[in-house]
Amino acid sequence: MRIGLLTEGGYPYATGESRLWCDRLVRGLSAHEFDLYALSRSALQEDAGWVDLPPQVQRVRTAPLWAPEDDGRTYGRRERRTFVGRFHALATDICAEEDTGDFAEGLYGLAELARERGGLYAALRSELAVRTLESACRAPGARRGVAAATVPDYLAFVDHVERALRPLSLDWYGEDGLGAVDLCHAASGGSAALPGLLAKRFFGTPLLVTEYGVQLRAHYLAATDAPLSAPVRALLAAFHGRLAAEVYRQAALLTPGNTHARRWQEKCGADRAKLRTVYPGMESERFTEVGEDEETGDPATLVWVGRVEPAKDLIALLHAFAEVRKAQPDVRLRIIAAPVREPGADAYVAHCRALAAQLFPDEAPGAHAVGENPVSFEELGGPEAPTLAEAYAAGAVVVLSSVVEGFPISLVEAMFCARATVSTDVGAVVEVIGGTGLVVPPRNPRALADACLALLRDPERRYRLGAAARARALELFTVEQNLAAFRGIYLELLSHSPVRRRAAEGVPFAHPAEAYVPGTWADQPVSAAAGAGDPDA
């Protein structure tokens, strides 16, 4: 089977999201062939290069979302009329309060225009596009907020839309490209899934969409920090919402990584019958020694592991730890952070250090003074915590204090290490923990402190929760269960869709058995009698 793996800002690049699970998927399902179709997000990502690819990767095609791709073509009068009609359908649906169904018509119409004539980059950035958008924003029934948009707002929005729709203009949609794959697997929604939508449109190729972090949710979170006007934010939210709904509508199957992502998909219109939760697979072997050793961990130490950023709410954690110290003065807190790469992260770290110095004025925390100060700020890979396993092994209780969280990877790692945990109730935390740790409300230092003290004072309870957490993690969150799930899904989807290539070579499911049975398996059911009479029906 040939799989077209569609990614955005990740695999096969050495940096970015989803690269690890995609690499494990490709290597683990070595019986299949993989063609990679990757969208990059920045020049820095491309400069970092690719990871080493296994031999089952037959082809890699890449395209930048960050750089202009102007083919130099312009439209004549007829093409301009065609473009206006299709972009107007897209813009009208985006501006409307209710989904009119015109978004899909406009989207595929623009894709067909780009495929036949090119020139979409210049058209989407033209005055014609701005006037068409203005007309849609001022039309009767337009959603509240967009009618107040001005010319700068229109320019900002069409700039974003042109970037998001760049996959429509790629040269991937031929018989030697996505037309040659048996199944498209998008590693996320949004722009990564656009090539899959077009492959289904042009060739009937089934589309599988995996979302471990819902793209629409990520857009909403990012939009709050962006310097955009209210009309632009409303237009962008509508655009991404319509795109997500179309992706969910056309996908043969959706595999959210947790119930939290699943609820988002359902709210965006995903059919429950198409949803199947597949937890991300994580390597458990590197945590085995710590997880099986009952004696590791300082019983008077709390450990926090992760990326230092405002969403992790280390401010609340430090205030909670101050309460813990009042009740149990011998307790220490080790904050072990991944190396800082994001711009602005240093400022947040400095703010946290300043707060720690204010809360513990007589014991100012140092960089690696684990034995001297109640709080230590350490870097993963340093002398005190050279590996992740050793970081989690440092204490008896692992704490997660986030206010925003998708799938809590650090929590699963702590579970592999058989650590009792205290977490805030955000994202998929409750689903992951499943009763094997304590969960408190976010932004509540008092509740966080009480839960930490409860576990610090009860060694037997810590041991029971840690053992149960490890057993749960080994059952649900390993690479093996993830591969087994996708191995079955690939075969299931292909069994319902005819293979259009190399049928004479005996490709499995070239003519699916369900095609001979009356019912809803095939798009055009064939009667049993007709199937019996014609072996190629």
Protein backbone atom coordinates (compact mmCIF):
# COMPACT_ATOMS: atom_id res chain seq x y z
CA MET A 1 0.00 0.00 0.00
CA ARG A 2 1.29 3.48 -0.82
CA ILE A 3 0.50 6.14 1.79
CA GLY A 4 0.69 9.86 1.06
CA LEU A 5 1.71 11.34 4.43
CA LEU A 6 0.79 15.05 4.57
CA THR A 7 2.50 17.28 7.12
CA GLU A 8 2.78 20.98 7.99
CA GLY A 9 5.72 22.32 9.96
CA GLY A 10 7.00 18.88 10.96
CA TYR A 11 8.24 15.61 9.47
CA PRO A 12 10.60 15.09 7.70
CA TYR A 13 12.17 18.32 9.01
CA ALA A 14 14.41 17.99 12.06
CA THR A 15 12.38 20.62 13.94
CA GLY A 16 8.65 21.21 14.37
CA GLU A 17 5.57 19.38 15.57
CA SER A 18 4.57 15.78 14.89
CA ARG A 19 7.98 14.80 13.55
CA LEU A 20 8.55 12.15 16.24
CA TRP A 21 5.27 10.28 15.93
CA CYS A 22 5.38 10.50 12.12
CA ASP A 23 8.87 9.01 12.12
CA ARG A 24 7.78 6.22 14.44
CA LEU A 25 4.73 5.58 12.26
CA VAL A 26 6.74 5.34 9.04
CA ARG A 27 9.42 3.13 10.60
CA GLY A 28 6.92 0.95 12.43
CA LEU A 29 4.71 0.27 9.38
CA SER A 30 7.58 -0.85 7.18
CA ALA A 31 5.34 -3.10 5.07
CA HIS A 32 3.88 0.01 3.41
CA GLU A 33 5.42 2.57 1.07
CA PHE A 34 5.28 6.22 2.10
CA ASP A 35 5.37 9.36 -0.03
CA LEU A 36 5.92 12.49 2.08
CA TYR A 37 4.26 15.78 1.13
CA ALA A 38 5.56 18.38 3.57
CA LEU A 39 4.76 22.07 4.05
CA SER A 40 7.50 24.03 5.85
CA ARG A 41 6.83 27.05 8.07
CA SER A 42 10.10 28.97 7.99
CA ALA A 43 13.52 29.27 6.42
CA LEU A 44 15.05 28.25 9.76
CA GLN A 45 13.12 24.99 9.66
CA GLU A 46 14.34 24.22 6.17
CA ASP A 47 17.92 25.15 7.08
CA ALA A 48 17.83 22.66 9.96
CA GLY A 49 17.46 19.87 7.40
CA TRP A 50 15.66 16.54 7.55
CA VAL A 51 15.80 13.59 9.88
CA ASP A 52 17.25 10.36 8.50
CA LEU A 53 14.53 8.69 6.47
CA PRO A 54 13.94 4.92 6.34
CA PRO A 55 13.96 3.04 3.00
CA GLN A 56 10.15 2.73 2.90
CA VAL A 57 9.98 6.47 2.17
CA GLN A 58 9.82 6.41 -1.62
CA ARG A 59 9.49 10.12 -2.36
CA VAL A 60 9.63 13.48 -0.57
CA ARG A 61 8.05 16.61 -1.98
CA THR A 62 8.17 19.87 -0.04
CA ALA A 63 6.77 23.38 -0.38
CA PRO A 64 7.13 26.52 1.79
CA LEU A 65 4.14 28.20 3.40
CA TRP A 66 6.35 31.13 4.43
CA ALA A 67 7.71 32.28 1.05
CA PRO A 68 5.75 33.74 -1.88
CA GLU A 69 5.15 31.34 -4.75
CA ASP A 70 4.24 33.64 -7.65
CA ASP A 71 4.25 31.79 -10.96
CA GLY A 72 4.13 35.12 -12.83
CA ARG A 73 0.80 34.36 -14.48
CA THR A 74 -2.06 36.85 -14.68
CA TYR A 75 -5.66 36.37 -15.68
CA GLY A 76 -7.48 37.62 -18.74
CA ARG A 77 -11.03 38.87 -18.63
CA ARG A 78 -12.63 35.40 -18.62
CA GLU A 79 -10.32 34.04 -15.89
CA ARG A 80 -10.92 37.16 -13.79
CA ARG A 81 -14.68 36.58 -13.95
CA THR A 82 -14.18 32.96 -12.98
CA PHE A 83 -11.92 33.92 -10.09
CA VAL A 84 -14.33 36.56 -8.79
CA GLY A 85 -17.23 34.10 -8.83
CA ARG A 86 -15.32 31.44 -6.92
CA PHE A 87 -13.65 33.75 -4.43
CA HIS A 88 -16.98 35.49 -3.84
CA ALA A 89 -18.56 32.14 -2.94
CA LEU A 90 -15.75 31.46 -0.46
CA ALA A 91 -15.83 34.97 1.04
CA THR A 92 -19.63 35.11 1.28
CA ASP A 93 -19.75 31.89 3.29
CA ILE A 94 -16.96 33.11 5.57
CA CYS A 95 -18.81 36.37 6.23
CA ALA A 96 -22.21 34.72 6.74
CA GLU A 97 -23.53 33.88 10.21
CA GLU A 98 -24.59 30.39 9.08
CA ASP A 99 -22.71 27.93 6.89
CA THR A 100 -24.24 28.30 3.43
CA GLY A 101 -22.22 25.50 1.81
CA ASP A 102 -20.58 27.95 -0.60
CA PHE A 103 -17.18 27.66 1.09
CA ALA A 104 -16.51 24.24 -0.41
CA GLU A 105 -17.73 25.36 -3.82
CA GLY A 106 -15.39 28.35 -3.76
CA LEU A 107 -12.46 26.34 -2.37
CA TYR A 108 -12.58 23.60 -4.99
CA GLY A 109 -13.33 26.12 -7.71
CA LEU A 110 -10.16 28.04 -6.85
CA ALA A 111 -8.20 24.77 -6.78
CA GLU A 112 -9.42 23.83 -10.26
CA LEU A 113 -8.57 27.31 -11.53
CA ALA A 114 -5.06 27.06 -10.08
CA ARG A 115 -4.63 23.60 -11.57
CA GLU A 116 -5.71 24.70 -15.04
CA ARG A 117 -4.40 28.28 -15.22
CA GLY A 118 -2.11 28.97 -12.26
CA GLY A 119 -1.95 32.62 -11.18
CA LEU A 120 -3.74 32.17 -7.84
CA TYR A 121 -1.05 33.98 -5.83
CA ALA A 122 -1.45 37.23 -7.79
CA ALA A 123 -5.24 36.94 -7.94
CA LEU A 124 -5.69 36.48 -4.18
CA ARG A 125 -3.53 39.54 -3.51
CA SER A 126 -5.15 41.71 -6.16
CA GLU A 127 -7.45 44.70 -5.81
CA LEU A 128 -10.13 42.49 -7.33
CA ALA A 129 -9.93 40.12 -4.34
CA VAL A 130 -10.10 43.05 -1.89
CA ARG A 131 -13.20 44.48 -3.57
CA THR A 132 -14.84 41.05 -3.63
CA LEU A 133 -14.16 40.61 0.08
CA GLU A 134 -15.51 44.07 0.84
CA SER A 135 -18.72 43.21 -1.01
CA ALA A 136 -19.13 40.02 1.03
CA CYS A 137 -18.49 41.82 4.32
CA ARG A 138 -21.15 44.43 3.57
CA ALA A 139 -23.76 42.04 2.18
CA PRO A 140 -27.07 41.55 4.05
CA GLY A 141 -26.79 38.76 6.63
CA ALA A 142 -23.04 39.19 7.18
CA ARG A 143 -21.87 38.20 10.64
CA ARG A 144 -21.62 40.85 13.32
CA GLY A 145 -18.24 42.53 13.40
CA VAL A 146 -17.11 42.08 9.79
CA ALA A 147 -19.24 44.96 8.49
CA ALA A 148 -16.92 47.36 10.34
CA ALA A 149 -13.86 46.10 8.44
CA THR A 150 -11.77 48.67 6.57
CA VAL A 151 -9.28 48.44 3.73
CA PRO A 152 -6.33 47.55 6.02
CA ASP A 153 -8.47 44.74 7.46
CA TYR A 154 -9.25 43.39 3.99
CA LEU A 155 -5.56 43.47 3.07
CA ALA A 156 -4.57 41.67 6.27
CA PHE A 157 -7.19 38.97 5.73
CA VAL A 158 -6.43 38.26 2.06
CA ASP A 159 -2.74 38.05 2.98
CA HIS A 160 -3.55 35.33 5.51
CA VAL A 161 -5.91 33.49 3.16
CA GLU A 162 -3.36 33.50 0.33
CA ARG A 163 -0.80 31.92 2.64
CA ALA A 164 -3.25 29.33 3.95
CA LEU A 165 -4.39 28.39 0.43
CA ARG A 166 -0.93 28.07 -1.12
CA PRO A 167 -1.28 24.26 -1.22
CA LEU A 168 -3.98 24.76 -3.90
CA SER A 169 -1.32 25.97 -6.35
CA LEU A 170 1.20 23.15 -5.87
CA ASP A 171 2.15 20.72 -8.62
CA TRP A 172 1.37 17.70 -6.44
CA TYR A 173 -1.95 16.83 -8.08
CA GLY A 174 -0.95 14.61 -10.98
CA GLU A 175 -0.92 10.92 -11.71
CA ASP A 176 2.75 10.91 -10.71
CA GLY A 177 1.96 12.72 -7.43
CA LEU A 178 -0.98 12.31 -5.09
CA GLY A 179 -2.82 10.55 -7.91
CA ALA A 180 -0.49 7.57 -7.35
CA VAL A 181 -1.17 7.03 -3.64
CA ASP A 182 -3.77 4.67 -2.22
CA LEU A 183 -4.50 6.68 0.93
CA CYS A 184 -3.76 10.23 2.12
CA HIS A 185 -2.93 10.53 5.82
CA ALA A 186 -2.84 14.14 7.07
CA ALA A 187 -0.80 14.54 10.26
CA SER A 188 -2.95 17.53 11.23
CA GLY A 189 -5.92 19.54 10.04
CA GLY A 190 -5.68 22.97 8.43
CA SER A 191 -3.34 23.55 5.51
CA ALA A 192 -1.76 20.08 5.84
CA ALA A 193 -5.11 18.48 4.98
CA LEU A 194 -5.73 20.66 1.89
CA PRO A 195 -3.70 18.40 -0.46
CA GLY A 196 -5.73 15.48 0.87
CA LEU A 197 -8.99 17.28 0.08
CA LEU A 198 -7.81 17.87 -3.49
CA ALA A 199 -6.58 14.28 -3.89
CA LYS A 200 -10.04 13.09 -2.94
CA ARG A 201 -11.64 15.66 -5.25
CA PHE A 202 -9.47 14.86 -8.29
CA PHE A 203 -8.77 11.13 -7.80
CA GLY A 204 -11.21 9.81 -5.19
CA THR A 205 -8.34 9.01 -2.80
CA PRO A 206 -9.60 8.37 0.77
CA LEU A 207 -8.42 10.83 3.43
CA LEU A 208 -7.42 10.00 7.01
CA VAL A 209 -6.87 12.95 9.38
CA THR A 210 -5.00 12.66 12.68
CA GLU A 211 -5.09 15.56 15.13
CA TYR A 212 -3.11 15.35 18.34
CA GLY A 213 -3.48 19.11 18.67
CA VAL A 214 -6.58 20.54 17.00
CA GLN A 215 -5.50 23.17 14.46
CA LEU A 216 -8.61 25.29 14.98
CA ARG A 217 -7.99 25.43 18.74
CA ALA A 218 -4.34 26.37 18.08
CA HIS A 219 -5.50 29.20 15.81
CA TYR A 220 -7.88 30.55 18.46
CA LEU A 221 -5.13 30.52 21.09
CA ALA A 222 -2.63 32.21 18.76
CA ALA A 223 -5.13 34.84 17.63
CA THR A 224 -5.50 36.23 21.15
CA ASP A 225 -1.84 37.31 21.14
CA ALA A 226 -1.71 38.55 17.54
CA PRO A 227 -1.91 42.33 16.85
CA LEU A 228 -5.05 42.04 14.72
CA SER A 229 -8.23 44.11 14.63
CA ALA A 230 -11.55 42.63 15.73
CA PRO A 231 -12.92 42.30 12.15
CA VAL A 232 -9.78 40.44 11.01
CA ARG A 233 -9.97 38.08 13.98
CA ALA A 234 -13.63 37.39 13.20
CA LEU A 235 -12.87 36.70 9.54
CA LEU A 236 -9.91 34.44 10.34
CA ALA A 237 -11.91 32.49 12.93
CA ALA A 238 -14.67 31.96 10.37
CA PHE A 239 -12.21 30.90 7.66
CA HIS A 240 -10.47 28.33 9.84
CA GLY A 241 -13.81 27.09 11.16
CA ARG A 242 -15.17 26.55 7.63
CA LEU A 243 -11.95 24.85 6.54
CA ALA A 244 -12.00 22.52 9.56
CA ALA A 245 -15.64 21.63 8.89
CA GLU A 246 -14.86 20.76 5.25
CA VAL A 247 -11.86 18.63 6.25
CA TYR A 248 -13.98 16.75 8.79
CA ARG A 249 -16.79 16.34 6.26
CA GLN A 250 -14.58 14.85 3.57
CA ALA A 251 -12.33 12.66 5.74
CA ALA A 252 -13.08 8.95 5.63
CA LEU A 253 -11.93 8.70 9.24
CA LEU A 254 -10.69 11.10 11.95
CA THR A 255 -8.31 9.94 14.65
CA PRO A 256 -8.14 12.49 17.49
CA GLY A 257 -5.38 11.87 20.01
CA ASN A 258 -7.66 12.23 23.03
CA THR A 259 -11.22 13.00 24.08
CA HIS A 260 -10.39 16.69 24.48
CA ALA A 261 -9.48 16.91 20.76
CA ARG A 262 -12.47 14.74 19.90
CA ARG A 263 -14.88 17.20 21.55
CA TRP A 264 -13.39 20.05 19.52
CA GLN A 265 -13.88 18.08 16.32
CA GLU A 266 -17.49 17.28 17.19
CA LYS A 267 -18.22 20.96 17.88
CA CYS A 268 -16.83 21.76 14.42
CA GLY A 269 -19.25 19.38 12.79
CA ALA A 270 -17.35 16.08 12.71
CA ASP A 271 -19.58 13.02 12.40
CA ARG A 272 -19.24 10.83 15.49
CA ALA A 273 -19.29 7.73 13.30
CA LYS A 274 -16.00 8.88 11.73
CA LEU A 275 -14.19 9.51 15.03
CA ARG A 276 -11.80 6.99 16.55
CA THR A 277 -9.45 7.99 19.35
CA VAL A 278 -5.84 6.87 18.86
CA TYR A 279 -3.50 7.92 21.64
CA PRO A 280 -0.03 9.11 20.61
CA GLY A 281 2.62 6.46 20.99
CA MET A 282 5.57 7.20 23.29
CA GLU A 283 8.76 5.25 23.91
CA SER A 284 8.53 3.64 27.33
CA GLU A 285 11.85 1.74 27.34
CA ARG A 286 13.98 4.68 28.44
CA PHE A 287 11.87 4.99 31.61
CA THR A 288 11.86 1.28 32.48
CA GLU A 289 14.70 1.34 35.00
CA VAL A 290 13.18 4.22 36.96
CA GLY A 291 9.66 2.81 36.71
CA GLU A 292 10.64 -0.59 38.07
CA ASP A 293 12.80 0.77 40.91
CA GLU A 294 10.62 1.42 43.95
CA GLU A 295 13.38 3.13 45.93
CA THR A 296 14.22 6.08 43.63
CA GLY A 297 13.16 9.63 44.33
CA ASP A 298 13.69 11.97 47.26
CA PRO A 299 10.49 11.69 49.35
CA ALA A 300 10.70 15.41 50.20
CA THR A 301 11.13 16.72 46.64
CA LEU A 302 8.54 17.95 44.12
CA VAL A 303 9.55 17.89 40.45
CA TRP A 304 8.25 19.94 37.54
CA VAL A 305 9.48 19.05 34.01
CA GLY A 306 8.62 20.81 30.75
CA ARG A 307 9.02 23.93 28.62
CA VAL A 308 9.02 27.18 30.57
CA GLU A 309 6.24 29.33 29.12
CA PRO A 310 3.27 31.28 30.53
CA ALA A 311 0.77 28.49 29.69
CA LYS A 312 2.57 26.24 32.22
CA ASP A 313 1.74 28.74 35.00
CA LEU A 314 4.90 28.38 37.07
CA ILE A 315 3.73 31.49 38.93
CA ALA A 316 0.88 29.50 40.51
CA LEU A 317 3.28 26.62 41.19
CA LEU A 318 5.68 28.89 43.09
CA HIS A 319 2.86 30.34 45.17
CA ALA A 320 1.60 26.81 45.89
CA PHE A 321 5.09 25.73 46.90
CA ALA A 322 5.30 28.63 49.33
CA GLU A 323 2.21 27.20 51.06
CA VAL A 324 3.76 23.72 51.05
CA ARG A 325 6.92 25.06 52.73
CA LYS A 326 4.87 26.65 55.50
CA ALA A 327 3.38 23.27 56.36
CA GLN A 328 6.49 21.15 55.67
CA PRO A 329 9.72 23.21 55.71
CA ASP A 330 12.01 20.42 54.48
CA VAL A 331 10.33 20.10 51.05
CA ARG A 332 12.18 21.22 47.90
CA LEU A 333 11.02 22.05 44.38
CA ARG A 334 13.10 21.26 41.29
CA ILE A 335 12.02 23.02 38.09
CA ILE A 336 13.72 21.14 35.25
CA ALA A 337 13.19 22.84 31.91
CA ALA A 338 13.92 21.91 28.34
CA PRO A 339 16.50 24.21 26.69
CA VAL A 340 14.94 27.56 25.79
CA ARG A 341 14.44 28.12 22.05
CA GLU A 342 11.30 30.23 21.76
CA PRO A 343 11.75 34.03 21.57
CA GLY A 344 10.66 35.71 24.76
CA ALA A 345 11.05 32.60 26.92
CA ASP A 346 14.04 34.10 28.77
CA ALA A 347 11.87 36.94 30.04
CA TYR A 348 9.36 34.52 31.58
CA VAL A 349 12.15 32.49 33.21
CA ALA A 350 13.58 35.69 34.66
CA HIS A 351 10.15 36.64 36.00
CA CYS A 352 9.79 33.24 37.69
CA ARG A 353 13.25 33.51 39.24
CA ALA A 354 12.44 36.96 40.57
CA LEU A 355 9.20 35.69 42.12
CA ALA A 356 11.03 32.76 43.73
CA ALA A 357 13.56 35.19 45.22
CA GLN A 358 10.71 37.31 46.58
CA LEU A 359 8.84 34.34 48.06
CA PHE A 360 11.98 32.87 49.65
CA PRO A 361 14.09 35.96 50.49
CA ASP A 362 16.38 34.17 52.95
CA GLU A 363 17.07 31.30 50.54
CA ALA A 364 17.49 32.92 47.11
CA PRO A 365 17.27 30.12 44.53
CA GLY A 366 20.28 29.42 42.35
CA ALA A 367 20.75 27.76 39.01
CA HIS A 368 21.72 24.24 40.15
CA ALA A 369 21.95 24.45 43.92
CA VAL A 370 19.70 21.48 44.59
CA GLY A 371 21.05 20.84 48.05
CA GLU A 372 21.04 24.41 49.33
CA ASN A 373 17.87 26.19 48.21
CA PRO A 374 14.18 25.25 48.33
CA VAL A 375 13.73 26.03 44.62
CA SER A 376 16.15 25.19 41.82
CA PHE A 377 15.89 26.18 38.17
CA GLU A 378 17.73 23.57 36.11
CA GLU A 379 18.12 22.74 32.45
CA LEU A 380 17.43 19.28 31.15
CA GLY A 381 20.71 17.73 30.04
CA GLY A 382 22.67 19.53 32.75
CA PRO A 383 24.76 17.86 35.45
CA GLU A 384 21.86 17.38 37.88
CA ALA A 385 19.34 16.06 35.30
CA PRO A 386 21.21 14.66 32.28
CA THR A 387 18.23 12.61 31.03
CA LEU A 388 14.45 12.76 31.26
CA ALA A 389 14.33 9.57 33.29
CA GLU A 390 16.76 11.02 35.85
CA ALA A 391 14.71 14.23 36.00
CA TYR A 392 11.55 12.34 36.97
CA ALA A 393 13.52 10.08 39.31
CA ALA A 394 14.68 13.12 41.33
CA GLY A 395 11.50 13.44 43.37
CA ALA A 396 8.60 11.52 44.85
CA VAL A 397 5.84 13.67 43.31
CA VAL A 398 5.65 15.19 39.82
CA VAL A 399 3.58 18.38 39.45
CA LEU A 400 1.86 19.83 36.38
CA SER A 401 0.47 23.35 36.92
CA SER A 402 -0.67 24.33 33.39
CA VAL A 403 -3.61 26.56 32.52
CA VAL A 404 -3.58 25.41 28.88
CA GLU A 405 -2.63 21.92 27.81
CA GLY A 406 -3.40 19.61 24.93
CA PHE A 407 -2.08 16.10 25.42
CA PRO A 408 0.19 16.27 28.52
CA ILE A 409 3.30 14.42 27.36
CA SER A 410 5.25 15.17 30.54
CA LEU A 411 2.46 13.58 32.57
CA VAL A 412 2.67 10.35 30.56
CA GLU A 413 6.45 10.31 31.01
CA ALA A 414 5.98 10.63 34.77
CA MET A 415 3.48 7.76 34.64
CA PHE A 416 6.01 5.55 32.81
CA CYS A 417 8.37 6.35 35.70
CA ALA A 418 5.74 5.18 38.23
CA ARG A 419 5.50 8.62 39.81
CA ALA A 420 2.54 9.91 41.76
CA THR A 421 1.31 13.12 40.14
CA VAL A 422 -0.57 16.30 41.00
CA SER A 423 -2.06 18.03 37.94
CA THR A 424 -4.41 20.82 37.00
CA ASP A 425 -7.66 19.91 35.26
CA VAL A 426 -6.90 21.19 31.75
CA GLY A 427 -6.88 19.64 28.30
CA ALA A 428 -6.67 15.84 28.30
CA VAL A 429 -5.21 15.59 31.83
CA VAL A 430 -8.15 13.78 33.44
CA GLU A 431 -8.39 11.36 30.52
CA VAL A 432 -4.68 10.57 30.70
CA ILE A 433 -4.53 10.20 34.49
CA GLY A 434 -7.67 8.08 34.72
CA GLY A 435 -7.75 8.11 38.53
CA THR A 436 -4.04 7.35 39.05
CA GLY A 437 -3.14 10.84 40.30
CA LEU A 438 -4.60 13.90 42.00
CA VAL A 439 -6.25 16.60 39.87
CA VAL A 440 -7.05 20.14 41.05
CA PRO A 441 -8.55 23.24 39.39
CA PRO A 442 -6.13 25.46 37.42
CA ARG A 443 -5.02 28.84 38.84
CA ASN A 444 -5.65 27.60 42.39
CA PRO A 445 -2.35 27.57 44.35
CA ARG A 446 -4.08 26.55 47.58
CA ALA A 447 -5.61 23.42 46.04
CA LEU A 448 -2.33 22.58 44.35
CA ALA A 449 -0.47 22.89 47.65
CA ASP A 450 -3.00 20.74 49.55
CA ALA A 451 -2.76 17.95 46.96
CA CYS A 452 1.05 18.00 47.05
CA LEU A 453 1.06 17.83 50.85
CA ALA A 454 -1.40 14.94 50.81
CA LEU A 455 0.97 12.84 48.72
CA LEU A 456 4.16 13.98 50.46
CA ARG A 457 2.70 12.82 53.79
CA ASP A 458 1.47 9.42 52.56
CA PRO A 459 4.23 7.19 51.09
CA GLU A 460 1.97 4.16 50.67
CA ARG A 461 -0.55 6.16 48.67
CA ARG A 462 2.27 7.54 46.50
CA TYR A 463 3.44 4.02 45.76
CA ARG A 464 -0.05 2.74 44.89
CA LEU A 465 -0.81 5.67 42.59
CA GLY A 466 2.60 5.43 40.91
CA ALA A 467 2.25 1.71 40.23
CA ALA A 468 -1.27 2.19 38.83
CA ALA A 469 -0.06 5.10 36.68
CA ARG A 470 2.73 3.02 35.15
CA ALA A 471 0.37 0.15 34.38
CA ARG A 472 -2.08 2.53 32.70
CA ALA A 473 0.62 4.21 30.62
CA LEU A 474 2.01 0.86 29.43
CA GLU A 475 -1.47 -0.21 28.38
CA LEU A 476 -2.55 2.95 26.52
CA PHE A 477 0.34 5.20 25.52
CA THR A 478 3.10 3.08 23.97
CA VAL A 479 4.39 3.16 20.41
CA GLU A 480 3.19 -0.42 19.94
CA GLN A 481 -0.48 0.38 20.59
CA ASN A 482 -0.27 3.40 18.27
CA LEU A 483 1.21 1.34 15.42
CA ALA A 484 -1.30 -1.46 15.90
CA ALA A 485 -4.16 1.03 15.68
CA PHE A 486 -2.95 2.65 12.44
CA ARG A 487 -2.02 -0.70 10.89
CA GLY A 488 -5.65 -1.78 11.26
CA ILE A 489 -7.04 1.59 10.15
CA TYR A 490 -4.99 1.61 6.93
CA LEU A 491 -6.23 -1.83 5.95
CA GLU A 492 -9.80 -0.99 6.90
CA LEU A 493 -9.90 2.20 4.82
CA LEU A 494 -8.25 0.59 1.83
CA SER A 495 -10.63 -2.37 1.99
CA HIS A 496 -13.49 0.07 1.37
CA SER A 497 -11.78 1.92 -1.49
CA PRO A 498 -10.61 0.40 -4.78
CA VAL A 499 -6.92 0.61 -5.57
CA ARG A 500 -6.49 2.41 -8.89
CA ARG A 501 -2.90 1.42 -9.65
CA ARG A 502 -1.12 -1.83 -10.52
CA ALA A 503 -4.31 -3.85 -10.22
CA ALA A 504 -2.82 -6.55 -12.44
CA GLU A 505 0.00 -7.09 -9.94
CA GLY A 506 -2.34 -8.52 -7.35
CA VAL A 507 -2.52 -5.56 -4.99
CA PRO A 508 -4.62 -6.48 -1.91
CA PHE A 509 -8.15 -5.05 -1.98
CA ALA A 510 -7.80 -3.90 -5.61
CA HIS A 511 -11.50 -4.81 -5.85
CA PRO A 512 -12.89 -4.64 -2.30
CA ALA A 513 -15.10 -7.50 -1.20
CA GLU A 514 -17.70 -5.03 0.06
CA ALA A 515 -18.31 -3.87 -3.52
CA TYR A 516 -20.11 -7.14 -4.18
CA VAL A 517 -22.48 -6.79 -1.25
CA PRO A 518 -25.60 -4.60 -1.33
CA GLY A 519 -25.32 -1.85 1.26
CA THR A 520 -23.45 1.34 2.03
CA TRP A 521 -19.82 0.17 1.95
CA ALA A 522 -19.27 1.32 -1.61
CA ASP A 523 -20.20 4.68 -3.12
CA GLN A 524 -22.16 2.85 -5.85
CA PRO A 525 -23.38 -0.48 -4.41
CA VAL A 526 -23.33 -3.40 -6.80
CA SER A 527 -25.85 -6.20 -6.49
CA ALA A 528 -24.67 -9.70 -5.56
CA ALA A 529 -25.98 -11.06 -8.84
CA ALA A 530 -24.15 -8.45 -10.91
CA GLY A 531 -20.96 -9.05 -8.95
CA ALA A 532 -21.19 -12.80 -9.48
CA GLY A 533 -21.61 -12.38 -13.22
CA ASP A 534 -18.75 -9.93 -13.76
CA PRO A 535 -15.53 -10.55 -11.79
CA ASP A 536 -14.37 -7.00 -12.61
CA ALA A 537 -17.60 -5.25 -11.57
